[in-house]
Protein backbone atom coordinates (compact mmCIF):
# COMPACT_ATOMS: atom_id res chain seq x y z
CA ALA A 1 -0.13 0.35 -0.08
CA VAL A 2 0.99 3.61 -1.03
CA GLN A 3 2.19 5.73 2.03
CA CYS A 4 2.17 9.40 2.42
CA SER A 5 4.70 10.83 3.59
CA THR A 6 6.78 14.06 4.47
CA PHE A 7 8.86 13.00 1.86
CA ILE A 8 6.01 12.89 -1.13
CA SER A 9 3.65 15.68 0.46
CA THR A 10 5.80 18.54 0.33
CA ASN A 11 7.61 16.90 -3.64
CA PRO A 12 6.85 20.61 -5.40
CA ASP A 13 5.70 17.63 -8.39
CA CYS A 14 2.28 17.71 -5.99
CA ARG A 15 1.97 21.34 -6.13
CA ASP A 16 -2.13 19.04 -6.86
CA LYS A 17 -1.98 17.23 -4.66
CA PRO A 18 -5.92 14.50 -4.86
CA VAL A 19 -9.04 16.73 -3.18
CA PHE A 20 -11.48 14.74 -1.34
CA LYS A 21 -15.16 16.04 -0.85
CA PRO A 22 -15.82 16.31 1.68
CA SER A 23 -12.08 16.82 3.37
CA ARG A 24 -13.73 15.58 6.11
CA LEU A 25 -16.40 12.40 7.37
CA VAL A 26 -18.12 12.38 10.92
CA VAL A 27 -20.71 9.32 10.48
CA LYS A 28 -22.22 6.76 12.80
CA TYR A 29 -20.99 3.49 13.42
CA ASN A 30 -24.31 1.21 10.74
CA ASP A 31 -25.25 5.12 9.40
CA SER A 32 -23.96 5.53 4.73
CA THR A 33 -21.32 6.98 3.75
CA SER A 34 -19.39 8.77 1.01
CA ALA A 35 -16.78 11.23 -0.15
CA THR A 36 -15.36 12.19 -3.81
CA CYS A 37 -11.86 12.08 -4.69
CA SER A 38 -10.59 14.43 -7.46
CA VAL A 39 -7.95 15.23 -9.14
CA LYS A 40 -6.53 17.89 -12.31
CA ASP A 41 -5.89 16.22 -15.27
CA VAL A 42 -5.43 12.99 -16.21
CA TYR A 43 -3.58 10.08 -15.20
CA GLU A 44 -2.75 6.75 -16.35
CA ILE A 45 -2.54 5.22 -12.09
CA PHE A 46 -5.03 7.14 -10.48
CA ILE A 47 -5.92 5.47 -7.50
CA LEU A 48 -7.95 5.33 -4.76
CA GLU A 49 -7.38 2.87 -1.46
CA LYS A 50 -9.80 1.60 1.02
CA SER A 51 -10.19 -1.12 4.30
CA LEU A 52 -14.28 -0.68 3.47
CA GLY A 53 -16.73 0.63 0.69
CA ASP A 54 -17.75 0.39 -3.00
CA LEU A 55 -15.41 2.16 -5.87
CA LYS A 56 -16.51 4.06 -9.24
CA THR A 57 -13.91 6.30 -11.01
CA ASN A 58 -15.23 8.65 -14.00
CA GLY A 59 -12.84 10.13 -15.70
CA THR A 60 -10.19 12.58 -12.61
CA GLU A 61 -13.20 11.22 -10.13
CA ILE A 62 -13.54 8.25 -8.08
CA LEU A 63 -16.99 8.34 -5.61
CA TRP A 64 -16.51 6.59 -2.59
CA THR A 65 -19.62 5.00 -0.74
CA VAL A 66 -20.05 2.80 1.39
CA GLU A 67 -23.85 1.62 2.52
CA LYS A 68 -23.47 0.26 6.43
CA MET A 69 -20.63 1.91 7.94
CA THR A 70 -18.87 -1.36 10.09
CA GLU A 71 -14.91 -0.42 10.96
CA TRP A 72 -13.80 2.39 13.70
CA ASP A 73 -11.41 3.38 12.32
CA PRO A 74 -11.09 3.88 8.31
CA PHE A 75 -8.83 3.60 5.90
CA VAL A 76 -9.81 6.32 3.11
CA MET A 77 -6.37 7.38 1.14
CA CYS A 78 -6.29 8.96 -2.96
CA TYR A 79 -3.98 9.07 -5.19
CA TYR A 80 -2.07 9.25 -8.26
CA GLU A 81 1.61 8.44 -9.92
CA LEU A 82 3.79 11.42 -11.15
CA ALA A 83 7.12 10.38 -12.70
CA ASP A 84 8.93 7.67 -9.52
CA HIS A 85 6.56 10.13 -6.85
CA HIS A 86 2.60 8.88 -5.78
CA CYS A 87 1.24 12.44 -4.53
CA CYS A 88 -1.58 11.02 -2.80
CA ARG A 89 -4.30 12.09 0.32
CA THR A 90 -6.22 10.75 3.23
CA LEU A 91 -9.16 11.44 4.21
CA SER A 92 -10.02 11.89 7.18
CA VAL A 93 -13.33 10.05 9.60
CA THR A 94 -14.67 10.23 13.03
CA VAL A 95 -17.18 6.27 13.43
CA TYR A 96 -19.34 8.10 16.53
CA LYS A 97 -22.05 6.23 18.59
CA PRO A 98 -23.78 8.17 21.24
CA PRO A 99 -23.34 6.53 24.55
CA ASP A 100 -25.90 3.75 25.73
CA ASN A 101 -27.04 6.30 28.94
CA VAL A 102 -25.19 8.34 31.43
CA SER A 103 -25.66 7.70 35.16
CA ILE A 104 -23.93 9.29 38.16
CA SER A 105 -23.69 7.78 42.34
CA PHE A 106 -20.67 9.05 45.06
CA ARG A 107 -17.93 6.68 45.12
CA ASP A 108 -17.67 4.20 48.07
CA HIS A 109 -20.61 6.17 50.18
CA SER A 110 -24.09 5.36 51.19
CA GLY A 111 -26.65 7.23 53.41
CA PRO A 112 -26.95 11.49 54.69
CA LEU A 113 -24.38 13.47 54.04
CA LEU A 114 -22.33 15.66 56.08
CA GLU A 115 -21.42 19.60 56.11
CA GLY A 116 -18.47 20.52 55.28
CA HIS A 117 -16.88 16.67 54.12
CA GLN A 118 -15.40 15.89 51.23
CA TYR A 119 -16.83 13.15 49.12
CA ILE A 120 -16.08 12.16 45.25
CA LEU A 121 -18.98 12.15 42.62
CA GLN A 122 -18.73 9.21 39.68
CA CYS A 123 -20.41 10.24 35.83
CA GLU A 124 -20.23 7.06 33.94
CA VAL A 125 -21.19 7.03 30.57
CA HIS A 126 -21.84 3.55 28.81
CA ASN A 127 -21.10 2.77 25.33
CA VAL A 128 -19.94 5.41 23.28
CA ALA A 129 -17.27 6.24 20.68
CA PRO A 130 -14.25 8.24 20.46
CA VAL A 131 -14.01 8.48 23.73
CA GLU A 132 -11.59 11.14 23.49
CA ASN A 133 -14.14 13.98 22.14
CA LEU A 134 -17.01 13.27 24.67
CA THR A 135 -16.88 16.30 27.58
CA VAL A 136 -18.61 16.01 30.87
CA THR A 137 -19.47 17.98 32.95
CA PHE A 138 -20.50 18.13 36.64
CA TYR A 139 -23.35 20.75 37.83
CA ARG A 140 -25.11 21.27 41.14
CA GLY A 141 -28.08 22.31 40.24
CA GLN A 142 -27.61 24.71 37.91
CA THR A 143 -24.04 25.68 38.69
CA ALA A 144 -21.66 23.60 36.35
CA LEU A 145 -19.06 22.73 39.00
CA GLY A 146 -16.37 20.62 36.98
CA GLN A 147 -15.58 20.26 33.26
CA LEU A 148 -13.18 16.96 31.32
CA GLN A 149 -12.37 15.08 28.64
CA SER A 150 -10.71 11.79 28.71
CA ASN A 151 -7.62 10.95 27.77
CA ASN A 152 -8.04 7.33 25.84
CA THR A 153 -7.60 7.12 22.71
CA GLU A 154 -9.67 4.49 21.92
CA LYS A 155 -11.77 4.15 18.98
CA LYS A 156 -13.94 1.65 20.12
CA PRO A 157 -16.73 1.90 22.35
CA VAL A 158 -16.01 2.27 25.55
CA THR A 159 -17.97 2.61 29.68
CA GLU A 160 -15.54 5.57 31.38
CA ILE A 161 -15.91 6.30 34.60
CA PHE A 162 -15.06 10.45 35.27
CA THR A 163 -15.04 11.32 38.56
CA LEU A 164 -15.29 15.19 40.82
CA SER A 165 -14.77 15.73 44.39
CA ILE A 166 -16.34 18.50 46.47
CA ASN A 167 -16.86 19.42 49.53
CA THR A 168 -20.49 19.54 51.16
CA ARG A 169 -22.03 22.93 52.69
CA LYS A 170 -25.88 23.91 54.65
CA GLU A 171 -27.13 25.18 51.38
CA ASP A 172 -26.71 22.18 49.87
CA ASP A 173 -29.58 20.28 51.95
CA GLY A 174 -31.61 19.16 49.07
CA VAL A 175 -28.99 19.44 46.42
CA GLN A 176 -29.93 17.63 43.39
CA TYR A 177 -25.91 16.58 41.58
CA TRP A 178 -25.92 15.72 37.55
CA CYS A 179 -23.29 15.28 34.76
CA GLU A 180 -24.05 15.47 31.12
CA ALA A 181 -21.87 14.06 28.19
CA LYS A 182 -21.08 15.62 25.48
CA LEU A 183 -19.34 14.33 21.84
CA GLU A 184 -17.45 16.86 20.67
CA LEU A 185 -17.33 15.73 17.33
CA GLY A 186 -16.94 19.92 15.15
CA PRO A 187 -18.26 21.27 13.03
CA GLU A 188 -19.79 18.37 10.00
CA ARG A 189 -21.39 17.61 13.86
CA PRO A 190 -24.94 15.61 14.20
CA GLN A 191 -27.50 18.82 14.51
CA PRO A 192 -28.50 19.60 16.76
CA PRO A 193 -25.24 18.22 19.07
CA ILE A 194 -24.94 14.94 20.73
CA VAL A 195 -26.02 16.01 24.53
CA LEU A 196 -27.27 13.62 27.68
CA SER A 197 -28.61 14.10 31.31
CA SER A 198 -27.86 12.32 34.16
CA HIS A 199 -30.66 13.60 36.44
CA GLN A 200 -31.44 12.67 39.69
CA ARG A 201 -31.16 13.01 42.90
CA ILE A 202 -28.61 11.56 44.69
CA GLN A 203 -29.72 8.57 47.19
CA GLY A 204 -29.52 9.00 50.76
CA SER A 205 -30.18 12.98 50.28
CA PRO A 206 -32.16 14.40 53.02
CA LEU A 207 -35.92 15.65 51.91
CA GLN A 208 -37.98 18.01 53.81
CA LEU A 209 -41.64 19.33 52.98
CA ASN A 210 -42.98 21.33 55.16
CA CYS A 211 -47.32 21.67 54.85
CA THR A 212 -49.18 24.14 56.68
CA ALA A 213 -52.95 24.57 56.88
CA VAL A 214 -54.86 27.38 58.64
CA GLY A 215 -57.86 26.15 61.05
CA ASN A 216 -60.25 25.90 63.88
CA PRO A 217 -59.87 23.62 65.77
CA SER A 218 -56.32 23.45 64.69
CA PRO A 219 -56.27 20.80 61.27
CA SER A 220 -54.15 17.51 62.14
CA TYR A 221 -51.85 16.72 59.76
CA THR A 222 -50.38 12.99 57.71
CA TRP A 223 -48.37 12.07 55.19
CA VAL A 224 -48.52 9.41 53.04
CA LEU A 225 -45.76 8.35 50.34
CA PRO A 226 -47.63 6.60 48.08
CA PRO A 227 -49.39 3.93 46.69
CA SER A 228 -50.24 3.63 50.57
CA SER A 229 -47.76 3.81 52.84
CA LEU A 230 -48.73 6.34 56.53
CA LEU A 231 -45.23 8.02 57.34
CA PRO A 232 -44.30 8.30 61.71
CA SER A 233 -45.52 12.44 61.20
CA ASN A 234 -48.59 14.01 62.42
CA SER A 235 -46.35 17.90 62.42
CA ASN A 236 -46.76 20.24 59.18
CA VAL A 237 -42.82 19.41 58.37
CA LEU A 238 -41.95 16.09 57.49
CA THR A 239 -38.71 15.40 57.17
CA ILE A 240 -36.46 12.93 55.01
CA LYS A 241 -33.12 11.68 56.13
CA SER A 242 -32.10 9.53 53.20
CA VAL A 243 -33.84 9.43 50.08
CA ALA A 244 -34.51 6.79 47.83
CA SER A 245 -35.06 7.63 44.44
CA ASP A 246 -34.94 6.22 40.66
CA PRO A 247 -32.72 8.11 38.23
CA GLY A 248 -34.56 11.48 36.46
CA HIS A 249 -37.66 10.79 39.31
CA SER A 250 -37.44 12.58 42.37
CA THR A 251 -40.17 10.46 45.08
CA PRO A 252 -43.83 12.32 45.35
CA VAL A 253 -45.20 12.61 48.94
CA LYS A 254 -48.16 14.47 49.29
CA SER A 255 -50.48 15.59 52.87
CA LEU A 256 -53.39 15.24 54.09
CA ILE A 257 -55.07 17.25 57.03
């Protein structure tokens, strides 16, 4: 196989190198794609090398098509022969896969959080490619706490855990921590950008509910947790020391007066 080298690319006879349109491809795994390689003149040897797909040559153009992208790091190079040199150009192809899901949790911790202590949040992004193009942002409510990227250059889908240390404050009582994963694929990226988030109330977080009514005689209060569980409280304020909830859902609680 012919390889593009510094010598070839700087050779003055290669001023008119082959041109790919588009110059860069971003394609979802299993999707179809295509590109055209063209040269200005007719050459006896004008070839496109590829690791998959089909070719159709028409004079000074070669059409490369892929019905289904089944490689994570495809190779595509177009060249023509000039005297004893090969003038060539490679096509940049990024094959991506959005995450299956994104989840957030505390590392090595369960139960209530203590004020003034340090904890480690971990955001797990499942089955994403290429992970080096992924940006993960941690949030406390609507406040961004930090942004992380991976150093992993693996092209195939991977599951990666991103961590961030936080210090708790009394103002954090009942706060929601979540993380957002975004694939940064450049100007050729799909529109809108691929963004997945993990909105959930962290299990173990405290929750305080207030239900106040005015009446004569003074009203009594009964708290009911669906579907029909009575909670042991007759006060207008209910404090739940440790919340249990599903990702993306808070637990509804109502009061009966």
